Amino acid sequence: MILGFDTSAAHCAAALLQGDKIIARAHEPMAKGQAERLMVLVQDLLDQSGTALSDLDAIGVGIGPGNFTGIRIAVSAARGLALGLSIPAVGVSAFDALHYGTQAPCLCAVDARRDMVFVQGFNTPAYQSPSLQSISVLATSDAPVIGAFGAAPVHFVADAIAHLCLERYAQTTTRPSPLYIRPADAAPARDAPPRILV
C-alpha cells in the first residue's frame, strides 16, 4: 500500500496505490493553502478506501522543481509521516512523474514563470540533467514536450509518484529532499536591523 502526494505546483494532489491499482485519488487546484489541506486530503483518501496510516508500506512525495513553499510542505509531511510510521519515503521529481508511462524520447517541462521553464530530457541527448531554460527551447526541441506548454502526461501526478515509489522504495536509502534548480525569490531584508534601546 503506497501513498503518493504532491504540492509542488498550484494544487494539492494525492493517490493511494494498492498493488498496481490506484484505489483512491484526489486533485484539487489551489494557489495557496496546501499546508492546511494536505493532511486532511490524505485522511479523506484513507477513509474513502478503508485504509489506516498503519497499513502504508511507503510514501512517495513530489520534490519539485516548482513552488518553493509547496515543495517544503510536501517533503516535510512525507518525512514526518515516514518517521512516525517507520516506513520509507521516496522523493520523485516532477520530471520523473511527467515521464512515467512514456518510453519515447521527450522533453519534460515545468513552468518556472517569467518566460522560463525547468526542463529535463529523456531518451534524448538534450538537457539530460534538470535545468532552467528560456521557454523558447520548447519550440526548438526535436523531441515532443510533456508537461508545461506541451502534451498532458500519461498519468496524474500523484498516481505517477505512487507508482514510482512502488518501484523504488525497497532500494531507497536516502530521505526525500527538495529539488531546487534556482535560488528562492525571497531574500533577507536589506534594512538595517532595529536599534536596541537599553
N, C-alpha and C. Protein backbone atom coordinates (compact mmCIF):
# COMPACT_ATOMS: atom_id res chain seq x y z
N MET A 1 0.85 -1.19 0.00
CA MET A 1 0.00 0.00 0.00
C MET A 1 0.89 1.24 0.00
N ILE A 2 0.76 2.05 -1.05
CA ILE A 2 1.62 3.22 -1.23
C ILE A 2 0.76 4.48 -1.27
N LEU A 3 1.18 5.49 -0.52
CA LEU A 3 0.57 6.81 -0.58
C LEU A 3 1.50 7.73 -1.34
N GLY A 4 0.99 8.41 -2.37
CA GLY A 4 1.78 9.40 -3.09
C GLY A 4 1.09 10.75 -3.02
N PHE A 5 1.85 11.82 -2.84
CA PHE A 5 1.24 13.15 -2.85
C PHE A 5 2.21 14.21 -3.34
N ASP A 6 1.63 15.37 -3.72
CA ASP A 6 2.42 16.44 -4.32
C ASP A 6 1.75 17.78 -4.09
N THR A 7 2.55 18.77 -3.69
CA THR A 7 2.05 20.15 -3.57
C THR A 7 3.07 21.12 -4.19
N SER A 8 3.84 20.64 -5.18
CA SER A 8 4.91 21.46 -5.75
C SER A 8 4.40 22.48 -6.76
N ALA A 9 3.13 22.37 -7.16
CA ALA A 9 2.54 23.33 -8.09
C ALA A 9 1.27 23.89 -7.46
N ALA A 10 0.43 24.54 -8.23
CA ALA A 10 -0.78 25.16 -7.70
C ALA A 10 -1.89 24.12 -7.54
N HIS A 11 -1.59 23.10 -6.75
CA HIS A 11 -2.56 22.04 -6.49
C HIS A 11 -2.19 21.31 -5.21
N CYS A 12 -3.14 20.49 -4.76
CA CYS A 12 -2.90 19.55 -3.69
C CYS A 12 -3.38 18.21 -4.24
N ALA A 13 -2.47 17.27 -4.45
CA ALA A 13 -2.79 16.02 -5.13
C ALA A 13 -2.31 14.85 -4.31
N ALA A 14 -3.11 13.79 -4.26
CA ALA A 14 -2.73 12.58 -3.53
C ALA A 14 -3.37 11.38 -4.18
N ALA A 15 -2.72 10.23 -4.03
CA ALA A 15 -3.24 8.98 -4.58
C ALA A 15 -2.82 7.83 -3.68
N LEU A 16 -3.66 6.83 -3.64
CA LEU A 16 -3.40 5.63 -2.84
C LEU A 16 -3.32 4.45 -3.79
N LEU A 17 -2.19 3.75 -3.75
CA LEU A 17 -1.92 2.63 -4.65
C LEU A 17 -1.90 1.33 -3.86
N GLN A 18 -2.73 0.38 -4.26
CA GLN A 18 -2.71 -0.94 -3.64
C GLN A 18 -2.31 -1.93 -4.71
N GLY A 19 -1.19 -2.60 -4.49
CA GLY A 19 -0.65 -3.44 -5.56
C GLY A 19 -0.26 -2.54 -6.71
N ASP A 20 -0.84 -2.80 -7.90
CA ASP A 20 -0.56 -1.92 -9.03
C ASP A 20 -1.79 -1.11 -9.45
N LYS A 21 -2.76 -0.98 -8.53
CA LYS A 21 -4.02 -0.30 -8.86
C LYS A 21 -4.24 0.90 -7.95
N ILE A 22 -4.56 2.04 -8.55
CA ILE A 22 -4.94 3.23 -7.77
C ILE A 22 -6.35 3.01 -7.24
N ILE A 23 -6.48 3.03 -5.91
CA ILE A 23 -7.80 2.78 -5.31
C ILE A 23 -8.48 4.06 -4.83
N ALA A 24 -7.74 5.16 -4.76
CA ALA A 24 -8.32 6.45 -4.39
C ALA A 24 -7.38 7.55 -4.86
N ARG A 25 -7.98 8.65 -5.31
CA ARG A 25 -7.15 9.79 -5.73
C ARG A 25 -7.92 11.08 -5.53
N ALA A 26 -7.18 12.16 -5.38
CA ALA A 26 -7.77 13.49 -5.31
C ALA A 26 -6.79 14.48 -5.90
N HIS A 27 -7.34 15.46 -6.62
CA HIS A 27 -6.50 16.51 -7.22
C HIS A 27 -7.30 17.81 -7.12
N GLU A 28 -6.85 18.70 -6.25
CA GLU A 28 -7.56 19.95 -6.03
C GLU A 28 -6.68 21.14 -6.44
N PRO A 29 -7.10 21.90 -7.46
CA PRO A 29 -6.34 23.11 -7.81
C PRO A 29 -6.39 24.11 -6.65
N MET A 30 -5.26 24.68 -6.31
CA MET A 30 -5.22 25.74 -5.28
C MET A 30 -3.91 26.48 -5.37
N ALA A 31 -3.99 27.80 -5.35
CA ALA A 31 -2.79 28.63 -5.42
C ALA A 31 -2.08 28.68 -4.07
N LYS A 32 -2.83 28.57 -2.99
CA LYS A 32 -2.23 28.56 -1.65
C LYS A 32 -3.15 27.78 -0.72
N GLY A 33 -2.64 27.46 0.46
CA GLY A 33 -3.44 26.71 1.42
C GLY A 33 -3.12 25.23 1.47
N GLN A 34 -2.08 24.80 0.75
CA GLN A 34 -1.74 23.37 0.73
C GLN A 34 -1.33 22.84 2.11
N ALA A 35 -0.68 23.70 2.90
CA ALA A 35 -0.24 23.25 4.22
C ALA A 35 -1.42 22.83 5.09
N GLU A 36 -2.53 23.59 4.98
CA GLU A 36 -3.71 23.27 5.78
C GLU A 36 -4.51 22.12 5.16
N ARG A 37 -4.42 21.95 3.87
CA ARG A 37 -5.28 20.98 3.17
C ARG A 37 -4.67 19.60 3.03
N LEU A 38 -3.34 19.48 2.92
CA LEU A 38 -2.71 18.21 2.55
C LEU A 38 -3.10 17.05 3.45
N MET A 39 -2.93 17.19 4.74
CA MET A 39 -3.18 16.05 5.64
C MET A 39 -4.67 15.73 5.73
N VAL A 40 -5.53 16.74 5.58
CA VAL A 40 -6.98 16.48 5.54
C VAL A 40 -7.31 15.67 4.29
N LEU A 41 -6.71 16.05 3.17
CA LEU A 41 -6.92 15.32 1.91
C LEU A 41 -6.44 13.88 2.02
N VAL A 42 -5.28 13.69 2.61
CA VAL A 42 -4.74 12.34 2.80
C VAL A 42 -5.68 11.51 3.67
N GLN A 43 -6.15 12.09 4.76
CA GLN A 43 -7.06 11.35 5.64
C GLN A 43 -8.36 11.01 4.93
N ASP A 44 -8.86 11.93 4.09
CA ASP A 44 -10.07 11.65 3.31
C ASP A 44 -9.86 10.46 2.39
N LEU A 45 -8.70 10.38 1.74
CA LEU A 45 -8.41 9.24 0.86
C LEU A 45 -8.35 7.94 1.64
N LEU A 46 -7.70 7.98 2.79
CA LEU A 46 -7.60 6.77 3.62
C LEU A 46 -8.99 6.32 4.06
N ASP A 47 -9.81 7.26 4.51
CA ASP A 47 -11.17 6.92 4.94
C ASP A 47 -11.99 6.37 3.79
N GLN A 48 -11.86 7.00 2.63
CA GLN A 48 -12.62 6.58 1.44
C GLN A 48 -12.30 5.14 1.06
N SER A 49 -11.07 4.72 1.28
CA SER A 49 -10.65 3.38 0.87
C SER A 49 -10.63 2.38 2.03
N GLY A 50 -11.01 2.83 3.22
CA GLY A 50 -10.98 1.94 4.38
C GLY A 50 -9.58 1.55 4.80
N THR A 51 -8.64 2.48 4.63
CA THR A 51 -7.23 2.23 4.92
C THR A 51 -6.80 3.07 6.11
N ALA A 52 -5.90 2.52 6.91
CA ALA A 52 -5.33 3.28 8.03
C ALA A 52 -3.90 3.66 7.70
N LEU A 53 -3.40 4.69 8.34
CA LEU A 53 -2.00 5.06 8.14
C LEU A 53 -1.07 3.89 8.40
N SER A 54 -1.41 3.08 9.39
CA SER A 54 -0.56 1.93 9.74
C SER A 54 -0.53 0.86 8.65
N ASP A 55 -1.44 0.94 7.67
CA ASP A 55 -1.43 -0.01 6.56
C ASP A 55 -0.43 0.35 5.48
N LEU A 56 0.10 1.56 5.53
CA LEU A 56 1.00 2.02 4.46
C LEU A 56 2.36 1.32 4.53
N ASP A 57 2.89 1.00 3.36
CA ASP A 57 4.22 0.39 3.27
C ASP A 57 5.29 1.41 2.88
N ALA A 58 4.89 2.48 2.22
CA ALA A 58 5.83 3.53 1.82
C ALA A 58 5.06 4.77 1.40
N ILE A 59 5.78 5.89 1.37
CA ILE A 59 5.20 7.17 0.97
C ILE A 59 6.06 7.76 -0.15
N GLY A 60 5.41 8.15 -1.23
CA GLY A 60 6.09 8.84 -2.32
C GLY A 60 5.69 10.31 -2.31
N VAL A 61 6.65 11.18 -2.57
CA VAL A 61 6.37 12.61 -2.50
C VAL A 61 7.04 13.34 -3.66
N GLY A 62 6.31 14.32 -4.22
CA GLY A 62 6.88 15.16 -5.25
C GLY A 62 7.88 16.14 -4.66
N ILE A 63 9.09 16.17 -5.21
CA ILE A 63 10.16 17.00 -4.66
C ILE A 63 10.46 18.22 -5.52
N GLY A 64 9.65 18.44 -6.57
CA GLY A 64 9.85 19.59 -7.43
C GLY A 64 10.66 19.22 -8.66
N PRO A 65 11.08 20.25 -9.41
CA PRO A 65 11.04 21.67 -9.08
C PRO A 65 9.63 22.24 -9.17
N GLY A 66 9.48 23.42 -8.62
CA GLY A 66 8.18 24.08 -8.61
C GLY A 66 8.15 25.17 -7.56
N ASN A 67 7.02 25.26 -6.90
CA ASN A 67 6.81 26.27 -5.87
C ASN A 67 7.62 25.91 -4.62
N PHE A 68 8.48 26.83 -4.18
CA PHE A 68 9.38 26.55 -3.05
C PHE A 68 8.62 26.13 -1.80
N THR A 69 7.61 26.92 -1.43
CA THR A 69 6.86 26.61 -0.22
C THR A 69 6.10 25.30 -0.37
N GLY A 70 5.48 25.09 -1.51
CA GLY A 70 4.75 23.85 -1.74
C GLY A 70 5.63 22.62 -1.65
N ILE A 71 6.83 22.70 -2.20
CA ILE A 71 7.77 21.57 -2.12
C ILE A 71 8.11 21.28 -0.67
N ARG A 72 8.41 22.32 0.11
CA ARG A 72 8.77 22.11 1.52
C ARG A 72 7.62 21.50 2.30
N ILE A 73 6.40 21.91 2.00
CA ILE A 73 5.23 21.37 2.70
C ILE A 73 5.15 19.87 2.50
N ALA A 74 5.20 19.43 1.24
CA ALA A 74 5.04 18.01 0.94
C ALA A 74 6.21 17.18 1.46
N VAL A 75 7.43 17.66 1.25
CA VAL A 75 8.60 16.90 1.69
C VAL A 75 8.61 16.78 3.22
N SER A 76 8.29 17.85 3.92
CA SER A 76 8.24 17.79 5.38
C SER A 76 7.18 16.81 5.86
N ALA A 77 6.01 16.85 5.23
CA ALA A 77 4.93 15.93 5.61
C ALA A 77 5.33 14.49 5.37
N ALA A 78 5.96 14.22 4.23
CA ALA A 78 6.37 12.85 3.91
C ALA A 78 7.42 12.35 4.88
N ARG A 79 8.39 13.19 5.19
CA ARG A 79 9.45 12.76 6.11
C ARG A 79 8.89 12.54 7.51
N GLY A 80 7.98 13.42 7.94
CA GLY A 80 7.39 13.25 9.27
C GLY A 80 6.55 11.98 9.37
N LEU A 81 5.70 11.75 8.35
CA LEU A 81 4.88 10.53 8.35
C LEU A 81 5.75 9.28 8.32
N ALA A 82 6.75 9.29 7.46
CA ALA A 82 7.62 8.12 7.33
C ALA A 82 8.34 7.82 8.64
N LEU A 83 8.81 8.87 9.29
CA LEU A 83 9.49 8.68 10.57
C LEU A 83 8.53 8.12 11.61
N GLY A 84 7.34 8.70 11.70
CA GLY A 84 6.36 8.25 12.68
C GLY A 84 5.86 6.83 12.44
N LEU A 85 5.79 6.43 11.16
CA LEU A 85 5.28 5.10 10.82
C LEU A 85 6.39 4.07 10.62
N SER A 86 7.64 4.53 10.68
CA SER A 86 8.81 3.65 10.45
C SER A 86 8.73 2.96 9.09
N ILE A 87 8.41 3.74 8.05
CA ILE A 87 8.37 3.24 6.68
C ILE A 87 9.21 4.16 5.80
N PRO A 88 9.59 3.70 4.62
CA PRO A 88 10.40 4.55 3.74
C PRO A 88 9.58 5.67 3.11
N ALA A 89 10.25 6.76 2.81
CA ALA A 89 9.68 7.85 2.00
C ALA A 89 10.59 8.02 0.79
N VAL A 90 9.98 8.17 -0.38
CA VAL A 90 10.73 8.24 -1.63
C VAL A 90 10.42 9.56 -2.32
N GLY A 91 11.44 10.32 -2.65
CA GLY A 91 11.25 11.56 -3.39
C GLY A 91 11.20 11.28 -4.88
N VAL A 92 10.24 11.89 -5.56
CA VAL A 92 10.07 11.72 -7.01
C VAL A 92 10.05 13.10 -7.65
N SER A 93 10.95 13.33 -8.61
CA SER A 93 10.98 14.63 -9.27
C SER A 93 9.77 14.82 -10.17
N ALA A 94 9.42 16.06 -10.41
CA ALA A 94 8.32 16.37 -11.33
C ALA A 94 8.61 15.82 -12.71
N PHE A 95 9.89 15.81 -13.10
CA PHE A 95 10.26 15.29 -14.42
C PHE A 95 9.98 13.79 -14.52
N ASP A 96 10.35 13.05 -13.49
CA ASP A 96 10.09 11.60 -13.50
C ASP A 96 8.60 11.32 -13.50
N ALA A 97 7.83 12.12 -12.77
CA ALA A 97 6.38 11.94 -12.74
C ALA A 97 5.77 12.23 -14.11
N LEU A 98 6.23 13.28 -14.78
CA LEU A 98 5.74 13.62 -16.11
C LEU A 98 6.10 12.53 -17.12
N HIS A 99 7.29 11.98 -16.98
CA HIS A 99 7.80 10.99 -17.94
C HIS A 99 7.19 9.60 -17.73
N TYR A 100 6.68 9.32 -16.54
CA TYR A 100 6.21 7.97 -16.22
C TYR A 100 5.13 7.51 -17.21
N GLY A 101 5.32 6.33 -17.75
CA GLY A 101 4.37 5.78 -18.72
C GLY A 101 4.72 6.09 -20.16
N THR A 102 5.83 6.82 -20.38
CA THR A 102 6.25 7.19 -21.73
C THR A 102 7.64 6.61 -22.00
N GLN A 103 7.80 5.92 -23.10
CA GLN A 103 9.11 5.37 -23.46
C GLN A 103 9.79 6.17 -24.56
N ALA A 104 9.02 6.88 -25.35
CA ALA A 104 9.58 7.62 -26.48
C ALA A 104 10.44 8.79 -26.00
N PRO A 105 11.39 9.24 -26.82
CA PRO A 105 12.15 10.44 -26.46
C PRO A 105 11.21 11.62 -26.21
N CYS A 106 11.50 12.38 -25.17
CA CYS A 106 10.66 13.54 -24.85
C CYS A 106 11.42 14.52 -24.00
N LEU A 107 10.89 15.73 -23.92
CA LEU A 107 11.40 16.77 -23.06
C LEU A 107 10.30 17.08 -22.05
N CYS A 108 10.57 16.87 -20.78
CA CYS A 108 9.58 17.14 -19.74
C CYS A 108 9.80 18.55 -19.21
N ALA A 109 8.71 19.31 -19.08
CA ALA A 109 8.82 20.73 -18.74
C ALA A 109 7.88 21.11 -17.61
N VAL A 110 8.39 21.96 -16.72
CA VAL A 110 7.62 22.51 -15.61
C VAL A 110 7.70 24.03 -15.73
N ASP A 111 6.57 24.69 -15.64
CA ASP A 111 6.52 26.15 -15.75
C ASP A 111 7.32 26.79 -14.61
N ALA A 112 8.31 27.61 -14.97
CA ALA A 112 9.11 28.31 -13.97
C ALA A 112 8.78 29.80 -13.92
N ARG A 113 7.77 30.21 -14.72
CA ARG A 113 7.31 31.59 -14.79
C ARG A 113 8.37 32.51 -15.39
N ARG A 114 7.95 33.74 -15.66
CA ARG A 114 8.83 34.75 -16.25
C ARG A 114 9.47 34.25 -17.55
N ASP A 115 8.68 33.57 -18.40
CA ASP A 115 9.14 33.05 -19.68
C ASP A 115 10.28 32.05 -19.55
N MET A 116 10.28 31.32 -18.44
CA MET A 116 11.29 30.30 -18.20
C MET A 116 10.60 28.96 -17.90
N VAL A 117 11.33 27.86 -18.14
CA VAL A 117 10.84 26.53 -17.81
C VAL A 117 11.96 25.71 -17.19
N PHE A 118 11.58 24.83 -16.29
CA PHE A 118 12.50 23.79 -15.82
C PHE A 118 12.34 22.63 -16.79
N VAL A 119 13.44 22.08 -17.29
CA VAL A 119 13.34 21.00 -18.27
C VAL A 119 14.30 19.87 -17.96
N GLN A 120 13.92 18.68 -18.41
CA GLN A 120 14.82 17.53 -18.42
C GLN A 120 14.42 16.65 -19.60
N GLY A 121 15.43 16.20 -20.36
CA GLY A 121 15.18 15.33 -21.49
C GLY A 121 15.29 13.86 -21.10
N PHE A 122 14.50 13.02 -21.75
CA PHE A 122 14.54 11.58 -21.54
C PHE A 122 14.71 10.90 -22.89
N ASN A 123 15.66 9.97 -22.97
CA ASN A 123 15.95 9.25 -24.22
C ASN A 123 16.29 10.20 -25.36
N THR A 124 16.90 11.30 -25.00
CA THR A 124 17.32 12.31 -25.97
C THR A 124 18.60 12.95 -25.44
N PRO A 125 19.52 13.36 -26.31
CA PRO A 125 20.78 13.93 -25.82
C PRO A 125 20.64 15.31 -25.18
N ALA A 126 19.54 16.01 -25.46
CA ALA A 126 19.39 17.37 -24.95
C ALA A 126 18.89 17.39 -23.51
N TYR A 127 19.48 18.25 -22.70
CA TYR A 127 19.01 18.54 -21.33
C TYR A 127 18.85 17.27 -20.49
N GLN A 128 19.87 16.44 -20.46
CA GLN A 128 19.77 15.19 -19.70
C GLN A 128 19.74 15.43 -18.20
N SER A 129 20.25 16.56 -17.76
CA SER A 129 20.16 16.94 -16.35
C SER A 129 19.12 18.04 -16.21
N PRO A 130 18.40 18.08 -15.09
CA PRO A 130 17.42 19.15 -14.89
C PRO A 130 18.07 20.53 -14.97
N SER A 131 17.42 21.45 -15.67
CA SER A 131 17.97 22.79 -15.80
C SER A 131 16.86 23.81 -16.01
N LEU A 132 17.23 25.07 -15.84
CA LEU A 132 16.32 26.19 -16.06
C LEU A 132 16.65 26.79 -17.41
N GLN A 133 15.65 26.90 -18.29
CA GLN A 133 15.88 27.36 -19.65
C GLN A 133 14.81 28.38 -20.05
N SER A 134 15.12 29.13 -21.10
CA SER A 134 14.11 30.01 -21.70
C SER A 134 13.00 29.15 -22.30
N ILE A 135 11.79 29.66 -22.25
CA ILE A 135 10.65 28.93 -22.80
C ILE A 135 10.83 28.64 -24.30
N SER A 136 11.71 29.39 -24.95
CA SER A 136 11.92 29.21 -26.39
C SER A 136 12.51 27.85 -26.73
N VAL A 137 13.17 27.18 -25.77
CA VAL A 137 13.76 25.86 -26.07
C VAL A 137 12.67 24.84 -26.41
N LEU A 138 11.45 25.05 -25.92
CA LEU A 138 10.39 24.10 -26.19
C LEU A 138 10.01 24.10 -27.67
N ALA A 139 10.03 25.28 -28.28
CA ALA A 139 9.66 25.39 -29.69
C ALA A 139 10.72 24.79 -30.60
N THR A 140 11.96 24.74 -30.12
CA THR A 140 13.05 24.23 -30.96
C THR A 140 13.41 22.79 -30.63
N SER A 141 12.70 22.17 -29.70
CA SER A 141 13.01 20.80 -29.30
C SER A 141 12.69 19.80 -30.41
N ASP A 142 13.61 18.87 -30.66
CA ASP A 142 13.36 17.81 -31.63
C ASP A 142 12.41 16.76 -31.06
N ALA A 143 12.36 16.67 -29.73
CA ALA A 143 11.51 15.67 -29.06
C ALA A 143 10.20 16.31 -28.62
N PRO A 144 9.13 15.52 -28.54
CA PRO A 144 7.86 16.06 -28.03
C PRO A 144 8.02 16.58 -26.61
N VAL A 145 7.24 17.59 -26.25
CA VAL A 145 7.27 18.19 -24.92
C VAL A 145 6.09 17.64 -24.11
N ILE A 146 6.38 17.19 -22.89
CA ILE A 146 5.34 16.74 -21.97
C ILE A 146 5.35 17.66 -20.76
N GLY A 147 4.17 18.11 -20.38
CA GLY A 147 4.07 19.00 -19.22
C GLY A 147 3.74 20.40 -19.64
N ALA A 148 4.37 21.39 -19.01
CA ALA A 148 4.06 22.79 -19.29
C ALA A 148 4.24 23.12 -20.76
N PHE A 149 3.21 23.69 -21.35
CA PHE A 149 3.22 24.14 -22.74
C PHE A 149 3.38 22.98 -23.74
N GLY A 150 3.08 21.77 -23.29
CA GLY A 150 3.18 20.61 -24.18
C GLY A 150 2.02 19.65 -23.95
N ALA A 151 2.25 18.40 -24.25
CA ALA A 151 1.21 17.38 -24.11
C ALA A 151 0.99 17.03 -22.63
N ALA A 152 -0.21 16.58 -22.32
CA ALA A 152 -0.51 16.13 -20.96
C ALA A 152 0.23 14.83 -20.68
N PRO A 153 0.66 14.61 -19.45
CA PRO A 153 1.31 13.34 -19.12
C PRO A 153 0.32 12.19 -19.18
N VAL A 154 0.86 10.97 -19.21
CA VAL A 154 0.03 9.77 -19.27
C VAL A 154 -0.77 9.59 -17.97
N HIS A 155 -0.14 9.91 -16.84
CA HIS A 155 -0.75 9.69 -15.52
C HIS A 155 -0.90 11.01 -14.74
N PHE A 156 -1.90 11.06 -13.87
CA PHE A 156 -1.99 12.16 -12.91
C PHE A 156 -0.72 12.17 -12.07
N VAL A 157 -0.31 13.35 -11.60
CA VAL A 157 0.96 13.49 -10.90
C VAL A 157 1.05 12.58 -9.67
N ALA A 158 0.02 12.55 -8.83
CA ALA A 158 0.09 11.73 -7.61
C ALA A 158 0.09 10.24 -7.94
N ASP A 159 -0.63 9.85 -9.01
CA ASP A 159 -0.63 8.45 -9.44
C ASP A 159 0.79 8.04 -9.84
N ALA A 160 1.44 8.87 -10.66
CA ALA A 160 2.80 8.57 -11.12
C ALA A 160 3.76 8.49 -9.94
N ILE A 161 3.63 9.40 -8.98
CA ILE A 161 4.50 9.39 -7.80
C ILE A 161 4.33 8.08 -7.02
N ALA A 162 3.08 7.66 -6.84
CA ALA A 162 2.82 6.41 -6.11
C ALA A 162 3.41 5.21 -6.84
N HIS A 163 3.21 5.14 -8.17
CA HIS A 163 3.77 4.02 -8.95
C HIS A 163 5.29 4.00 -8.90
N LEU A 164 5.92 5.17 -9.03
CA LEU A 164 7.38 5.23 -8.98
C LEU A 164 7.90 4.89 -7.58
N CYS A 165 7.18 5.30 -6.56
CA CYS A 165 7.55 4.92 -5.20
C CYS A 165 7.52 3.41 -5.04
N LEU A 166 6.50 2.76 -5.59
CA LEU A 166 6.41 1.31 -5.51
C LEU A 166 7.64 0.65 -6.14
N GLU A 167 8.09 1.20 -7.27
CA GLU A 167 9.26 0.64 -7.96
C GLU A 167 10.55 0.87 -7.18
N ARG A 168 10.61 1.93 -6.41
CA ARG A 168 11.89 2.37 -5.84
C ARG A 168 12.08 2.17 -4.34
N TYR A 169 10.98 2.00 -3.58
CA TYR A 169 11.12 2.13 -2.13
C TYR A 169 12.01 1.07 -1.50
N ALA A 170 12.06 -0.12 -2.08
CA ALA A 170 12.89 -1.17 -1.49
C ALA A 170 14.38 -0.86 -1.61
N GLN A 171 14.76 -0.05 -2.62
CA GLN A 171 16.17 0.28 -2.82
C GLN A 171 16.54 1.67 -2.32
N THR A 172 15.56 2.46 -1.88
CA THR A 172 15.84 3.84 -1.48
C THR A 172 16.36 3.88 -0.05
N THR A 173 17.49 4.55 0.11
CA THR A 173 18.08 4.64 1.45
C THR A 173 18.20 6.09 1.93
N THR A 174 17.95 7.05 1.06
CA THR A 174 18.04 8.45 1.46
C THR A 174 16.65 9.06 1.61
N ARG A 175 16.53 9.98 2.54
CA ARG A 175 15.25 10.66 2.75
C ARG A 175 15.00 11.65 1.61
N PRO A 176 13.74 11.89 1.26
CA PRO A 176 13.47 12.85 0.20
C PRO A 176 13.91 14.25 0.57
N SER A 177 14.40 14.98 -0.41
CA SER A 177 14.77 16.37 -0.19
C SER A 177 14.37 17.19 -1.40
N PRO A 178 14.09 18.47 -1.22
CA PRO A 178 13.61 19.31 -2.32
C PRO A 178 14.60 19.38 -3.49
N LEU A 179 14.06 19.42 -4.69
CA LEU A 179 14.86 19.63 -5.90
C LEU A 179 14.68 21.10 -6.31
N TYR A 180 15.64 21.91 -5.91
CA TYR A 180 15.62 23.33 -6.26
C TYR A 180 16.63 23.55 -7.38
N ILE A 181 16.18 24.15 -8.47
CA ILE A 181 17.08 24.38 -9.60
C ILE A 181 17.54 25.84 -9.64
N ARG A 182 16.79 26.73 -9.03
CA ARG A 182 17.24 28.12 -8.95
C ARG A 182 17.04 28.60 -7.52
N PRO A 183 17.74 29.66 -7.13
CA PRO A 183 17.58 30.16 -5.77
C PRO A 183 16.20 30.74 -5.54
N ALA A 184 15.81 30.80 -4.29
CA ALA A 184 14.50 31.35 -3.93
C ALA A 184 14.42 32.82 -4.30
N ASP A 185 13.18 33.27 -4.63
CA ASP A 185 12.97 34.68 -4.96
C ASP A 185 13.10 35.56 -3.71
N ALA A 186 12.72 35.00 -2.57
CA ALA A 186 12.76 35.78 -1.34
C ALA A 186 14.20 35.99 -0.89
N ALA A 187 14.47 37.11 -0.30
CA ALA A 187 15.80 37.41 0.21
C ALA A 187 15.67 38.12 1.55
N PRO A 188 16.71 38.03 2.39
CA PRO A 188 16.64 38.72 3.67
C PRO A 188 16.47 40.23 3.46
N ALA A 189 15.79 40.88 4.39
CA ALA A 189 15.59 42.33 4.30
C ALA A 189 16.94 43.03 4.32
N ARG A 190 17.03 44.10 3.52
CA ARG A 190 18.29 44.84 3.46
C ARG A 190 18.30 46.04 4.40
N ASP A 191 17.16 46.25 5.06
CA ASP A 191 17.12 47.36 6.01
C ASP A 191 18.05 47.07 7.18
N ALA A 192 18.52 48.12 7.76
CA ALA A 192 19.35 47.96 8.95
C ALA A 192 18.51 47.37 10.07
N PRO A 193 19.10 46.50 10.88
CA PRO A 193 18.33 45.93 11.99
C PRO A 193 17.93 47.02 12.98
N PRO A 194 16.84 46.83 13.72
CA PRO A 194 16.42 47.86 14.67
C PRO A 194 17.44 48.05 15.77
N ARG A 195 17.56 49.28 16.23
CA ARG A 195 18.49 49.58 17.32
C ARG A 195 17.85 49.17 18.64
N ILE A 196 18.60 48.51 19.46
CA ILE A 196 18.08 48.06 20.75
C ILE A 196 18.37 49.14 21.79
N LEU A 197 17.32 49.62 22.40
CA LEU A 197 17.47 50.66 23.41
C LEU A 197 17.67 50.01 24.78
N VAL A 198 18.62 50.54 25.52
CA VAL A 198 18.85 50.00 26.86
C VAL A 198 18.63 51.06 27.91
